[in-house]
Amino acid sequence: MIITKRPYEGFWRYHEFRRSDGNGWLALGETVVTASVVVTDSTGQDVSGAMVSGVTPNGTPATQVKYYITGGNSGNTYTVEVRIVTSLAQKFEDSFEVKVL
């Protein structure tokens, strides 16, 4: 998946780790306990400190990761990796790209 944004824009994102049919990432009753979001530029440099904040498990029960994404340089594409540890000690990671217009 690729999302686009402008350098000025900042907005909340919600990354779901349970499919709408209840199957997939998380087992029945399993929740997100810890979460992190890592943003890297095209050279692999970590730019998370400048582009992401407010990372937290979200929902009742917590099956999402909520975070605020902002900034970036026009013309660049960034890789965003959302990582979780669950209540059953499983670790999952999902990623997508952000293209800054």
C-alpha atoms as a PDB file:
ATOM      1  CA  MET A   1       0.000   0.000   0.000  1.00  0.00           C
ATOM      2  CA  ILE A   2       1.155   3.549  -0.718  1.00  0.00           C
ATOM      3  CA  ILE A   3      -0.327   6.651   0.875  1.00  0.00           C
ATOM      4  CA  THR A   4       0.450  10.181  -0.253  1.00  0.00           C
ATOM      5  CA  LYS A   5       0.768  13.371   1.756  1.00  0.00           C
ATOM      6  CA  ARG A   6       2.257  16.840   1.529  1.00  0.00           C
ATOM      7  CA  PRO A   7       5.193  17.948   3.751  1.00  0.00           C
ATOM      8  CA  TYR A   8       2.961  20.243   5.856  1.00  0.00           C
ATOM      9  CA  GLU A   9       0.296  17.624   6.525  1.00  0.00           C
ATOM     10  CA  GLY A  10       0.070  15.702   9.777  1.00  0.00           C
ATOM     11  CA  PHE A  11      -2.682  13.238  10.653  1.00  0.00           C
ATOM     12  CA  TRP A  12      -3.613  10.256  12.814  1.00  0.00           C
ATOM     13  CA  ARG A  13      -3.402   6.753  11.326  1.00  0.00           C
ATOM     14  CA  TYR A  14      -4.930   3.539  12.667  1.00  0.00           C
ATOM     15  CA  HIS A  15      -3.283   0.271  11.674  1.00  0.00           C
ATOM     16  CA  GLU A  16      -5.524  -2.762  12.261  1.00  0.00           C
ATOM     17  CA  PHE A  17      -4.014  -6.135  13.179  1.00  0.00           C
ATOM     18  CA  ARG A  18      -7.313  -8.047  13.111  1.00  0.00           C
ATOM     19  CA  ARG A  19      -9.227  -8.676   9.932  1.00  0.00           C
ATOM     20  CA  SER A  20     -12.886  -7.713   9.868  1.00  0.00           C
ATOM     21  CA  ASP A  21     -13.886 -11.413   9.837  1.00  0.00           C
ATOM     22  CA  GLY A  22     -11.905 -11.989  13.065  1.00  0.00           C
ATOM     23  CA  ASN A  23      -9.326 -14.201  11.358  1.00  0.00           C
ATOM     24  CA  GLY A  24      -5.722 -13.424  10.557  1.00  0.00           C
ATOM     25  CA  TRP A  25      -3.141 -11.663  12.664  1.00  0.00           C
ATOM     26  CA  LEU A  26      -4.588 -12.013  16.178  1.00  0.00           C
ATOM     27  CA  ALA A  27      -6.116 -15.025  17.902  1.00  0.00           C
ATOM     28  CA  LEU A  28      -9.504 -14.789  19.614  1.00  0.00           C
ATOM     29  CA  GLY A  29      -9.095 -12.533  22.660  1.00  0.00           C
ATOM     30  CA  GLU A  30      -5.504 -11.600  21.801  1.00  0.00           C
ATOM     31  CA  THR A  31      -4.630  -7.901  22.002  1.00  0.00           C
ATOM     32  CA  VAL A  32      -1.826  -5.509  21.122  1.00  0.00           C
ATOM     33  CA  VAL A  33       0.288  -4.851  24.234  1.00  0.00           C
ATOM     34  CA  THR A  34       3.180  -2.803  22.852  1.00  0.00           C
ATOM     35  CA  ALA A  35       3.640  -1.044  19.537  1.00  0.00           C
ATOM     36  CA  SER A  36       6.302   0.854  17.654  1.00  0.00           C
ATOM     37  CA  VAL A  37       6.432   2.611  14.298  1.00  0.00           C
ATOM     38  CA  VAL A  38       9.718   2.957  12.411  1.00  0.00           C
ATOM     39  CA  VAL A  39      10.035   5.270   9.394  1.00  0.00           C
ATOM     40  CA  THR A  40      13.040   5.004   7.074  1.00  0.00           C
ATOM     41  CA  ASP A  41      13.995   7.061   4.056  1.00  0.00           C
ATOM     42  CA  SER A  42      15.190   5.675   0.706  1.00  0.00           C
ATOM     43  CA  THR A  43      18.756   5.289   2.045  1.00  0.00           C
ATOM     44  CA  GLY A  44      17.559   3.258   5.036  1.00  0.00           C
ATOM     45  CA  GLN A  45      18.132   6.061   7.541  1.00  0.00           C
ATOM     46  CA  ASP A  46      15.714   6.051  10.483  1.00  0.00           C
ATOM     47  CA  VAL A  47      13.689   9.289  10.394  1.00  0.00           C
ATOM     48  CA  SER A  48      11.039   8.185  12.896  1.00  0.00           C
ATOM     49  CA  GLY A  49      11.829  10.991  15.349  1.00  0.00           C
ATOM     50  CA  ALA A  50      10.922  13.599  12.746  1.00  0.00           C
ATOM     51  CA  MET A  51       7.900  11.869  11.199  1.00  0.00           C
ATOM     52  CA  VAL A  52       5.977   9.853  13.793  1.00  0.00           C
ATOM     53  CA  SER A  53       4.690  10.376  17.338  1.00  0.00           C
ATOM     54  CA  GLY A  54       1.923   9.300  19.700  1.00  0.00           C
ATOM     55  CA  VAL A  55       2.318   5.560  19.029  1.00  0.00           C
ATOM     56  CA  THR A  56      -0.076   3.549  21.200  1.00  0.00           C
ATOM     57  CA  PRO A  57      -2.204   0.387  21.151  1.00  0.00           C
ATOM     58  CA  ASN A  58      -5.796   1.389  20.365  1.00  0.00           C
ATOM     59  CA  GLY A  59      -9.306  -0.001  20.577  1.00  0.00           C
ATOM     60  CA  THR A  60     -11.433  -2.016  22.974  1.00  0.00           C
ATOM     61  CA  PRO A  61     -10.042  -4.609  22.809  1.00  0.00           C
ATOM     62  CA  ALA A  62      -6.737  -3.175  21.536  1.00  0.00           C
ATOM     63  CA  THR A  63      -6.328  -4.653  18.048  1.00  0.00           C
ATOM     64  CA  GLN A  64      -4.985  -1.486  16.391  1.00  0.00           C
ATOM     65  CA  VAL A  65      -1.976   0.792  16.571  1.00  0.00           C
ATOM     66  CA  LYS A  66      -2.691   4.538  16.610  1.00  0.00           C
ATOM     67  CA  TYR A  67       0.017   7.030  15.608  1.00  0.00           C
ATOM     68  CA  TYR A  68       0.486  10.535  14.213  1.00  0.00           C
ATOM     69  CA  ILE A  69       2.468  10.922  10.987  1.00  0.00           C
ATOM     70  CA  THR A  70       3.815  14.275   9.807  1.00  0.00           C
ATOM     71  CA  GLY A  71       6.560  15.955   7.794  1.00  0.00           C
ATOM     72  CA  GLY A  72       8.802  14.406   5.197  1.00  0.00           C
ATOM     73  CA  ASN A  73      10.515  16.036   2.239  1.00  0.00           C
ATOM     74  CA  SER A  74       8.734  16.693  -1.027  1.00  0.00           C
ATOM     75  CA  GLY A  75       9.594  14.115  -3.687  1.00  0.00           C
ATOM     76  CA  ASN A  76      10.715  11.453  -1.204  1.00  0.00           C
ATOM     77  CA  THR A  77       9.154   8.085  -0.460  1.00  0.00           C
ATOM     78  CA  TYR A  78       9.412   6.599   3.042  1.00  0.00           C
ATOM     79  CA  THR A  79       8.886   3.074   4.368  1.00  0.00           C
ATOM     80  CA  VAL A  80       6.724   2.810   7.492  1.00  0.00           C
ATOM     81  CA  GLU A  81       6.986  -0.370   9.602  1.00  0.00           C
ATOM     82  CA  VAL A  82       4.351  -0.945  12.284  1.00  0.00           C
ATOM     83  CA  ARG A  83       5.501  -3.511  14.874  1.00  0.00           C
ATOM     84  CA  ILE A  84       3.572  -5.054  17.743  1.00  0.00           C
ATOM     85  CA  VAL A  85       3.926  -7.513  20.607  1.00  0.00           C
ATOM     86  CA  THR A  86       0.678  -9.192  21.611  1.00  0.00           C
ATOM     87  CA  SER A  87      -0.821 -10.464  24.846  1.00  0.00           C
ATOM     88  CA  LEU A  88       0.244 -13.973  23.742  1.00  0.00           C
ATOM     89  CA  ALA A  89       3.858 -12.776  23.203  1.00  0.00           C
ATOM     90  CA  GLN A  90       3.562 -12.989  19.429  1.00  0.00           C
ATOM     91  CA  LYS A  91       5.389 -10.398  17.339  1.00  0.00           C
ATOM     92  CA  PHE A  92       3.977  -9.038  14.094  1.00  0.00           C
ATOM     93  CA  GLU A  93       5.132  -6.410  11.616  1.00  0.00           C
ATOM     94  CA  ASP A  94       3.372  -4.758   8.696  1.00  0.00           C
ATOM     95  CA  SER A  95       4.672  -2.080   6.358  1.00  0.00           C
ATOM     96  CA  PHE A  96       3.607   0.423   3.717  1.00  0.00           C
ATOM     97  CA  GLU A  97       5.067   3.410   1.887  1.00  0.00           C
ATOM     98  CA  VAL A  98       4.400   7.134   2.277  1.00  0.00           C
ATOM     99  CA  LYS A  99       5.061   9.274  -0.786  1.00  0.00           C
ATOM    100  CA  VAL A 100       5.475  12.958   0.016  1.00  0.00           C
ATOM    101  CA  LEU A 101       4.222  15.134  -2.848  1.00  0.00           C
END
